[in-house]
Structures are given as C-alpha cells and as structure tokens.
Protein backbone atom coordinates (compact mmCIF):
# COMPACT_ATOMS: atom_id res chain seq x y z
CA GLU A 1 115.21 126.49 92.43
CA GLY A 2 112.00 123.98 92.99
CA ALA A 3 113.87 121.22 91.51
CA LEU A 4 116.46 121.98 94.01
CA LYS A 5 114.50 121.43 96.69
CA GLY A 6 112.84 118.04 95.56
CA ALA A 7 109.54 119.67 94.50
CA SER A 8 107.87 122.57 93.43
CA ILE A 9 104.56 124.49 92.07
CA ALA A 10 103.76 123.77 88.12
CA LYS A 11 100.57 125.37 88.11
CA LYS A 12 99.38 127.34 90.51
CA GLU A 13 95.23 127.32 91.19
CA THR A 14 93.52 130.25 90.10
CA ALA A 15 90.37 129.48 92.62
CA ASP A 16 90.24 128.28 96.16
CA LEU A 17 92.27 124.97 95.89
CA ASP A 18 90.45 122.22 96.23
CA LEU A 19 92.90 119.36 94.09
CA ILE A 20 96.60 118.66 94.11
CA ILE A 21 98.20 116.83 91.48
CA ILE A 22 101.68 115.76 91.65
CA ALA A 23 103.63 114.53 89.25
CA THR A 24 107.26 113.90 88.10
CA GLY A 25 109.28 113.72 85.07
CA SER A 26 107.43 113.25 81.76
CA GLU A 27 103.64 112.99 83.52
CA VAL A 28 103.88 116.44 84.13
CA GLN A 29 102.67 117.47 81.08
CA HIS A 30 99.79 115.08 81.83
CA ALA A 31 98.76 116.31 84.76
CA LEU A 32 99.34 119.86 83.20
CA ALA A 33 96.95 119.31 80.54
CA ALA A 34 94.49 117.63 82.76
CA ALA A 35 94.45 120.96 85.29
CA LYS A 36 94.24 123.08 82.55
CA ASP A 37 90.12 123.61 83.00
CA MET A 38 90.22 122.71 86.59
CA PRO A 39 91.11 126.52 88.54
CA GLY A 40 90.80 125.03 91.92
CA ALA A 41 93.61 122.79 91.04
CA ARG A 42 97.33 123.20 91.67
CA VAL A 43 100.26 120.85 89.80
CA VAL A 44 103.17 119.82 91.91
CA SER A 45 106.09 118.82 89.74
CA MET A 46 108.27 116.32 92.30
CA PRO A 47 111.54 114.89 90.98
CA CYS A 48 112.74 113.89 94.46
CA MET A 49 110.61 113.26 97.37
CA GLU A 50 114.11 112.87 98.90
CA LEU A 51 115.18 116.14 98.73
CA TYR A 52 111.86 117.58 99.63
CA GLU A 53 111.69 115.66 102.62
CA ARG A 54 115.26 117.28 104.03
CA GLN A 55 113.15 120.76 102.87
CA SER A 56 111.95 122.94 105.69
CA ASP A 57 108.11 122.13 106.84
CA ASP A 58 107.25 125.88 105.69
CA TYR A 59 108.64 124.95 102.39
CA LYS A 60 106.90 121.79 102.39
CA GLU A 61 103.46 123.00 103.16
CA SER A 62 103.51 125.87 100.69
CA VAL A 63 103.91 123.02 98.24
CA LEU A 64 101.60 120.81 99.13
CA PRO A 65 99.27 122.44 101.74
CA SER A 66 97.58 119.85 104.47
CA THR A 67 94.38 121.87 104.14
CA CYS A 68 93.98 120.14 100.87
CA THR A 69 93.41 116.55 101.40
CA LYS A 70 92.23 116.07 97.61
CA ARG A 71 95.44 114.43 95.97
CA ILE A 72 96.43 112.59 93.51
CA ALA A 73 99.82 111.63 91.83
CA MET A 74 100.93 110.64 88.29
CA GLU A 75 104.45 108.11 87.94
CA ALA A 76 105.14 105.69 85.62
CA GLY A 77 106.96 103.54 87.81
CA VAL A 78 105.75 102.06 91.29
CA SER A 79 102.52 103.77 93.03
CA ALA A 80 103.62 102.51 96.38
CA PRO A 81 105.74 105.39 97.88
CA TRP A 82 103.47 107.95 96.29
CA TYR A 83 100.80 107.08 99.21
CA LYS A 84 102.76 109.42 101.23
CA TYR A 85 101.11 112.22 99.66
CA ALA A 86 98.34 111.72 97.78
CA SER A 87 95.27 109.49 98.24
CA LYS A 88 95.14 107.97 95.12
CA VAL A 89 97.84 107.34 92.33
CA VAL A 90 97.91 106.84 89.13
CA GLY A 91 101.12 104.24 88.52
CA VAL A 92 102.26 101.71 87.06
CA ASP A 93 102.98 98.32 89.09
CA ARG A 94 103.90 95.82 85.96
CA PHE A 95 106.38 95.30 83.52
CA GLY A 96 106.48 92.94 80.45
CA PHE A 97 104.44 95.43 78.12
CA SER A 98 106.19 95.97 74.82
CA ALA A 99 105.43 98.62 72.02
CA PRO A 100 106.36 101.59 70.96
CA GLY A 101 106.53 104.15 74.26
CA ASP A 102 103.78 106.51 73.46
CA ILE A 103 101.78 103.65 72.71
CA VAL A 104 102.50 101.43 76.35
CA MET A 105 102.44 105.14 78.21
CA LYS A 106 98.67 105.54 76.57
CA GLU A 107 98.10 101.74 77.66
CA LEU A 108 99.40 101.98 80.93
CA GLY A 109 97.18 104.76 81.63
CA MET A 110 99.68 107.65 81.57
CA SER A 111 97.52 110.32 79.77
CA ALA A 112 96.05 113.14 80.38
CA GLU A 113 92.90 112.09 79.54
CA ASN A 114 93.11 108.86 82.20
CA LEU A 115 94.06 111.55 84.64
CA ALA A 116 91.07 113.54 84.48
CA SER A 117 89.10 110.11 84.55
CA GLU A 118 90.85 109.15 87.62
CA ILE A 119 90.03 112.85 89.57
CA ALA A 120 86.48 112.49 88.16
CA THR A 121 85.82 109.61 90.30
CA MET A 122 87.36 111.15 93.60
CA ASN A 123 85.47 112.73 96.01
C-alpha cells in the first residue's frame, strides 16, 4: 500500500526519532543496513515523489514528520530533487563511469558504509 502512495516507512525507529533516511529502489538496502544499529533512525522508501506529494497532509506527516529535521537521502541519480525532503543527499551527479554495477555503485558512494559516514557528519 505504501508504494502506491509514493512513500512508506521501511524501518520504524525503536527510540525517539532523531534521523530520517530517505531512499529509493536499490538504495533502500543500504539505508536499512546503515540504520541497523541506530534505534532513533527511520528509513523511508520513496519510489515516487509525485505520488507522495498527492497524499493527504496527514499521511505525509506520518511518513516524514516535520519535527525531525535531521534527514538524509540516498539516490543513485541526480541529487537536486531530494533537497526538498532532506538537508543532505548522497547522490550521483555525474556520468561516464564504466565497470560492473556493484563496483560502480561502491565507487560512487552508494553503500551502507558511505551512508553511515555521511550521517556521522550531520549535527
């Protein structure tokens, strides 16, 4: 049902919410792995921004509460649109890298380890 609404909670926090990680597609696995030992972290899967934007304000607030401003997004594509939802984005704003997919993704920072490192730099 959440995918039909454009975004849903993939991992709910088990302590006071202090971080939201937003990811889409194959990046969700990295977000879940990075958040594994973070009880205050919520992971949101957002496969479609446009569908999410069409939802009620109540639904949008239930997924991305405005009270939590510490947010990071991960997208193996252009990062600019994600700044609407997150203050920091791990994205790919270049092209031309050729190698097997897993190597390319790691080299471009699309890994749980890199995401965790980026989170560690946030206030």
